[in-house]
N, C-alpha and C. Protein backbone atom coordinates (compact mmCIF):
# COMPACT_ATOMS: atom_id res chain seq x y z
N MET A 1 20.19 -27.61 -10.54
CA MET A 1 19.46 -26.94 -11.68
C MET A 1 19.96 -27.36 -12.96
N GLU A 2 21.27 -27.51 -13.17
CA GLU A 2 21.81 -28.03 -14.43
C GLU A 2 21.35 -29.41 -14.78
N ASP A 3 21.26 -30.28 -13.66
CA ASP A 3 20.74 -31.56 -13.93
C ASP A 3 19.27 -31.53 -14.45
N ALA A 4 18.49 -30.74 -13.99
CA ALA A 4 17.12 -30.55 -14.41
C ALA A 4 17.12 -30.08 -15.87
N VAL A 5 17.90 -29.22 -16.20
CA VAL A 5 17.91 -28.70 -17.56
C VAL A 5 18.38 -29.82 -18.48
N SER A 6 19.35 -30.55 -18.09
CA SER A 6 19.86 -31.75 -18.92
C SER A 6 18.77 -32.82 -19.04
N ASP A 7 18.04 -32.97 -17.89
CA ASP A 7 16.95 -34.02 -17.92
C ASP A 7 15.83 -33.58 -18.94
N ALA A 8 15.57 -32.22 -18.86
CA ALA A 8 14.49 -31.80 -19.75
C ALA A 8 14.88 -31.88 -21.21
N ILE A 9 16.14 -31.59 -21.55
CA ILE A 9 16.65 -31.76 -22.94
C ILE A 9 16.61 -33.23 -23.36
N SER A 10 17.06 -34.10 -22.42
CA SER A 10 17.04 -35.49 -22.68
C SER A 10 15.68 -36.01 -22.93
N ALA A 11 14.64 -35.66 -22.17
CA ALA A 11 13.35 -36.03 -22.34
C ALA A 11 12.77 -35.52 -23.79
N ALA A 12 13.15 -34.32 -24.13
CA ALA A 12 12.63 -33.82 -25.48
C ALA A 12 13.30 -34.58 -26.54
N LEU A 13 14.63 -34.86 -26.38
CA LEU A 13 15.32 -35.65 -27.47
C LEU A 13 14.68 -37.06 -27.60
N ALA A 14 14.22 -37.56 -26.45
CA ALA A 14 13.59 -38.89 -26.49
C ALA A 14 12.14 -38.75 -26.92
N GLN A 15 11.68 -37.58 -27.25
CA GLN A 15 10.25 -37.33 -27.60
C GLN A 15 9.31 -37.68 -26.46
N ASN A 16 9.74 -37.62 -25.21
CA ASN A 16 8.91 -37.94 -23.99
C ASN A 16 8.39 -36.51 -23.65
N TRP A 17 7.33 -36.08 -24.27
CA TRP A 17 6.87 -34.68 -24.09
C TRP A 17 6.27 -34.51 -22.67
N ASP A 18 5.53 -35.52 -22.21
CA ASP A 18 4.92 -35.44 -20.85
C ASP A 18 6.06 -35.11 -19.90
N ARG A 19 7.11 -35.85 -19.82
CA ARG A 19 8.27 -35.67 -19.01
C ARG A 19 8.92 -34.35 -19.20
N ALA A 20 9.09 -33.97 -20.45
CA ALA A 20 9.70 -32.63 -20.72
C ALA A 20 8.91 -31.42 -20.20
N ILE A 21 7.63 -31.58 -20.38
CA ILE A 21 6.75 -30.56 -19.81
C ILE A 21 6.90 -30.42 -18.32
N GLU A 22 6.76 -31.64 -17.69
CA GLU A 22 6.89 -31.69 -16.24
C GLU A 22 8.14 -31.07 -15.74
N ILE A 23 9.30 -31.45 -16.36
CA ILE A 23 10.65 -30.96 -15.84
C ILE A 23 10.72 -29.44 -16.05
N ASN A 24 10.36 -28.97 -17.28
CA ASN A 24 10.40 -27.63 -17.50
C ASN A 24 9.60 -26.75 -16.58
N LYS A 25 8.36 -27.25 -16.27
CA LYS A 25 7.44 -26.56 -15.29
C LYS A 25 8.10 -26.52 -13.90
N THR A 26 8.79 -27.60 -13.59
CA THR A 26 9.46 -27.51 -12.26
C THR A 26 10.59 -26.52 -12.28
N ILE A 27 11.35 -26.46 -13.36
CA ILE A 27 12.38 -25.45 -13.40
C ILE A 27 11.87 -24.02 -13.37
N LEU A 28 10.72 -23.83 -13.97
CA LEU A 28 10.13 -22.45 -13.95
C LEU A 28 9.65 -22.03 -12.55
N LYS A 29 9.42 -23.00 -11.68
CA LYS A 29 9.02 -22.62 -10.38
C LYS A 29 10.01 -21.74 -9.64
N ASN A 30 11.36 -22.01 -9.92
CA ASN A 30 12.45 -21.25 -9.29
C ASN A 30 12.63 -19.94 -10.07
N ASN A 31 12.51 -19.96 -11.40
CA ASN A 31 12.72 -18.69 -12.23
C ASN A 31 11.62 -18.66 -13.26
N LYS A 32 10.60 -17.99 -13.01
CA LYS A 32 9.47 -17.94 -14.09
C LYS A 32 9.79 -17.26 -15.31
N ASP A 33 10.85 -16.48 -15.34
CA ASP A 33 11.15 -15.62 -16.45
C ASP A 33 12.40 -16.19 -17.32
N ASP A 34 12.78 -17.45 -17.08
CA ASP A 34 13.87 -18.02 -17.80
C ASP A 34 13.43 -18.33 -19.16
N LEU A 35 13.96 -17.54 -20.14
CA LEU A 35 13.46 -17.61 -21.50
C LEU A 35 13.80 -19.00 -22.18
N GLU A 36 15.01 -19.53 -21.75
CA GLU A 36 15.39 -20.87 -22.39
C GLU A 36 14.41 -21.90 -21.94
N THR A 37 13.99 -21.92 -20.74
CA THR A 37 13.10 -22.90 -20.22
C THR A 37 11.68 -22.70 -20.79
N LEU A 38 11.31 -21.44 -20.90
CA LEU A 38 10.00 -21.11 -21.57
C LEU A 38 9.99 -21.67 -22.95
N CYS A 39 11.10 -21.50 -23.67
CA CYS A 39 11.18 -21.93 -25.14
C CYS A 39 11.13 -23.42 -25.11
N ARG A 40 11.73 -24.18 -24.27
CA ARG A 40 11.70 -25.59 -24.13
C ARG A 40 10.31 -26.04 -23.85
N LEU A 41 9.71 -25.37 -22.84
CA LEU A 41 8.26 -25.80 -22.50
C LEU A 41 7.27 -25.46 -23.65
N ALA A 42 7.56 -24.35 -24.31
CA ALA A 42 6.58 -24.08 -25.52
C ALA A 42 6.75 -25.09 -26.56
N TYR A 43 8.01 -25.47 -26.83
CA TYR A 43 8.15 -26.48 -27.89
C TYR A 43 7.57 -27.83 -27.48
N ALA A 44 7.75 -28.17 -26.25
CA ALA A 44 7.15 -29.44 -25.77
C ALA A 44 5.71 -29.41 -25.91
N TYR A 45 5.04 -28.30 -25.52
CA TYR A 45 3.63 -28.23 -25.64
C TYR A 45 3.22 -28.26 -27.10
N LEU A 46 3.96 -27.71 -28.01
CA LEU A 46 3.73 -27.67 -29.41
C LEU A 46 3.69 -29.10 -29.97
N GLN A 47 4.74 -29.87 -29.55
CA GLN A 47 4.92 -31.23 -29.98
C GLN A 47 3.83 -32.20 -29.32
N TYR A 48 3.33 -31.85 -28.13
CA TYR A 48 2.32 -32.57 -27.52
C TYR A 48 0.97 -32.28 -27.93
N GLY A 49 0.83 -31.16 -28.74
CA GLY A 49 -0.52 -30.92 -29.36
C GLY A 49 -1.27 -29.78 -28.66
N GLU A 50 -0.62 -29.24 -27.60
CA GLU A 50 -1.26 -28.14 -26.80
C GLU A 50 -0.86 -26.79 -27.46
N ILE A 51 -1.46 -26.59 -28.59
CA ILE A 51 -1.10 -25.39 -29.45
C ILE A 51 -1.40 -24.12 -28.73
N ASP A 52 -2.59 -24.00 -28.06
CA ASP A 52 -2.82 -22.70 -27.46
C ASP A 52 -1.84 -22.43 -26.31
N LYS A 53 -1.43 -23.39 -25.57
CA LYS A 53 -0.42 -23.17 -24.47
C LYS A 53 0.96 -22.78 -25.20
N ALA A 54 1.28 -23.39 -26.22
CA ALA A 54 2.55 -23.14 -26.88
C ALA A 54 2.49 -21.65 -27.42
N LYS A 55 1.37 -21.35 -28.07
CA LYS A 55 1.18 -20.04 -28.58
C LYS A 55 1.29 -18.95 -27.57
N LYS A 56 0.66 -19.16 -26.43
CA LYS A 56 0.70 -18.18 -25.35
C LYS A 56 2.16 -18.04 -24.80
N LEU A 57 2.89 -19.13 -24.63
CA LEU A 57 4.18 -19.03 -24.21
C LEU A 57 5.14 -18.32 -25.19
N TYR A 58 5.02 -18.62 -26.44
CA TYR A 58 5.80 -17.94 -27.46
C TYR A 58 5.54 -16.42 -27.46
N LYS A 59 4.33 -16.04 -27.22
CA LYS A 59 4.04 -14.64 -27.16
C LYS A 59 4.66 -13.91 -25.98
N LYS A 60 4.73 -14.75 -24.83
CA LYS A 60 5.31 -14.16 -23.65
C LYS A 60 6.79 -14.08 -23.93
N ILE A 61 7.44 -15.04 -24.55
CA ILE A 61 8.89 -14.96 -24.90
C ILE A 61 9.15 -13.78 -25.74
N LEU A 62 8.35 -13.63 -26.84
CA LEU A 62 8.59 -12.52 -27.71
C LEU A 62 8.32 -11.11 -27.06
N ALA A 63 7.52 -11.05 -26.12
CA ALA A 63 7.27 -9.83 -25.37
C ALA A 63 8.51 -9.48 -24.58
N ALA A 64 9.29 -10.50 -24.17
CA ALA A 64 10.45 -10.16 -23.31
C ALA A 64 11.67 -9.99 -24.28
N ASP A 65 11.71 -10.75 -25.38
CA ASP A 65 12.83 -10.75 -26.27
C ASP A 65 12.34 -10.86 -27.66
N ARG A 66 12.13 -9.77 -28.41
CA ARG A 66 11.38 -9.89 -29.71
C ARG A 66 12.25 -10.35 -30.80
N TYR A 67 13.59 -10.49 -30.41
CA TYR A 67 14.50 -11.05 -31.46
C TYR A 67 14.87 -12.52 -31.26
N ASN A 68 14.13 -13.22 -30.38
CA ASN A 68 14.34 -14.60 -30.08
C ASN A 68 13.91 -15.38 -31.38
N CYS A 69 14.96 -15.89 -32.06
CA CYS A 69 14.71 -16.52 -33.37
C CYS A 69 13.81 -17.79 -33.27
N VAL A 70 14.12 -18.58 -32.29
CA VAL A 70 13.39 -19.87 -32.05
C VAL A 70 11.84 -19.56 -31.82
N ALA A 71 11.62 -18.53 -30.91
CA ALA A 71 10.28 -18.14 -30.55
C ALA A 71 9.55 -17.56 -31.93
N GLN A 72 10.27 -16.78 -32.58
CA GLN A 72 9.69 -16.15 -33.88
C GLN A 72 9.27 -17.27 -34.82
N LYS A 73 10.22 -18.14 -35.03
CA LYS A 73 9.97 -19.25 -36.05
C LYS A 73 8.82 -20.10 -35.64
N ASN A 74 8.80 -20.56 -34.49
CA ASN A 74 7.68 -21.41 -34.02
C ASN A 74 6.41 -20.74 -33.87
N TYR A 75 6.35 -19.46 -33.48
CA TYR A 75 5.15 -18.68 -33.36
C TYR A 75 4.56 -18.53 -34.77
N LEU A 76 5.38 -18.24 -35.76
CA LEU A 76 4.94 -18.00 -37.09
C LEU A 76 4.43 -19.32 -37.62
N LYS A 77 4.99 -20.48 -37.34
CA LYS A 77 4.54 -21.83 -37.69
C LYS A 77 3.04 -22.01 -37.20
N ILE A 78 2.89 -21.67 -35.98
CA ILE A 78 1.55 -21.90 -35.34
C ILE A 78 0.54 -20.97 -35.95
N ILE A 79 0.87 -19.81 -36.20
CA ILE A 79 -0.08 -18.72 -36.79
C ILE A 79 -0.44 -19.21 -38.26
N SER A 80 0.68 -19.61 -38.99
CA SER A 80 0.39 -19.94 -40.40
C SER A 80 -0.41 -21.22 -40.50
N ASN A 81 -0.14 -22.20 -39.64
CA ASN A 81 -0.92 -23.36 -39.62
C ASN A 81 -2.33 -23.13 -39.22
N LEU A 82 -2.62 -22.30 -38.26
CA LEU A 82 -4.03 -22.03 -37.87
C LEU A 82 -4.69 -21.34 -39.04
N LEU A 83 -4.02 -20.41 -39.73
CA LEU A 83 -4.63 -19.77 -40.88
C LEU A 83 -4.91 -20.74 -41.98
N LEU A 84 -3.94 -21.71 -42.26
CA LEU A 84 -4.20 -22.67 -43.25
C LEU A 84 -5.29 -23.61 -42.97
N LEU A 85 -5.42 -23.95 -41.66
CA LEU A 85 -6.51 -24.81 -41.18
C LEU A 85 -7.88 -24.22 -41.36
N ASN A 86 -7.89 -22.91 -41.04
CA ASN A 86 -9.23 -22.19 -41.13
C ASN A 86 -9.57 -22.00 -42.64
N ARG A 87 -8.48 -21.82 -43.51
CA ARG A 87 -8.69 -21.61 -44.90
C ARG A 87 -9.32 -22.89 -45.51
N LYS A 88 -8.77 -24.01 -45.12
CA LYS A 88 -9.27 -25.31 -45.74
C LYS A 88 -10.67 -25.63 -45.13
N ARG A 89 -10.90 -25.21 -43.92
CA ARG A 89 -12.25 -25.53 -43.32
C ARG A 89 -13.36 -24.66 -44.01
N PHE A 90 -13.02 -23.41 -44.26
CA PHE A 90 -14.09 -22.44 -44.61
C PHE A 90 -14.13 -22.13 -46.20
N PHE A 91 -13.03 -22.25 -46.77
CA PHE A 91 -12.91 -21.83 -48.21
C PHE A 91 -13.75 -22.60 -49.12
N PRO A 92 -13.81 -24.01 -49.02
CA PRO A 92 -14.64 -24.74 -49.93
C PRO A 92 -16.08 -24.32 -49.87
N LYS A 93 -16.63 -24.13 -48.74
CA LYS A 93 -18.08 -23.83 -48.56
C LYS A 93 -18.31 -22.39 -49.15
N ARG A 94 -17.51 -21.50 -48.92
CA ARG A 94 -17.70 -20.21 -49.53
C ARG A 94 -17.57 -20.31 -51.00
N TRP A 95 -16.69 -21.08 -51.50
CA TRP A 95 -16.39 -21.23 -52.91
C TRP A 95 -17.65 -21.76 -53.59
N ILE A 96 -18.27 -22.77 -52.95
CA ILE A 96 -19.45 -23.38 -53.57
C ILE A 96 -20.68 -22.39 -53.47
N LEU A 97 -20.75 -21.63 -52.37
CA LEU A 97 -21.91 -20.73 -52.20
C LEU A 97 -21.80 -19.66 -53.28
N PHE A 98 -20.61 -19.06 -53.55
CA PHE A 98 -20.54 -17.95 -54.44
C PHE A 98 -20.24 -18.38 -55.89
N HIS A 99 -19.65 -19.45 -56.17
CA HIS A 99 -19.29 -19.89 -57.47
C HIS A 99 -19.77 -21.29 -57.69
N PRO A 100 -21.07 -21.51 -57.82
CA PRO A 100 -21.52 -22.91 -58.07
C PRO A 100 -20.98 -23.47 -59.32
N MET A 101 -20.73 -24.69 -59.29
CA MET A 101 -20.22 -25.41 -60.53
C MET A 101 -21.36 -25.70 -61.46
N PRO A 102 -21.19 -25.60 -62.72
CA PRO A 102 -22.24 -26.02 -63.66
C PRO A 102 -22.48 -27.52 -63.53
N GLU A 103 -23.72 -27.99 -63.85
CA GLU A 103 -24.05 -29.41 -63.70
C GLU A 103 -23.13 -30.21 -64.58
N GLY A 104 -22.67 -31.39 -64.08
CA GLY A 104 -21.89 -32.31 -64.86
C GLY A 104 -20.41 -32.01 -64.67
N GLN A 105 -20.00 -30.99 -64.07
CA GLN A 105 -18.53 -30.62 -63.92
C GLN A 105 -18.17 -30.76 -62.46
N PHE A 106 -16.91 -31.23 -62.31
CA PHE A 106 -16.43 -31.40 -60.98
C PHE A 106 -15.42 -30.33 -60.52
């Protein structure tokens, strides 16, 4: 088991997210509530671009341990980035609709 944890950490340090995800999933087969492994898996998903999976895992971690600093920090990053993306996507259209620019101004 310790070898698998070491391999998962090594894969993450090498930014081999596919391998890190695979190893952490294997570790979770034996203990599905291991918070450290869940944190590593969530972070690997986050780095791999699987934001929804990472968000779901961080919520699960925080439900079990609401004081988990790593989960809190990364969950807040996800939420704030999603809000920022939505703001950038929708704000300009609404701004133009409700506050049209006078002709000749940018």
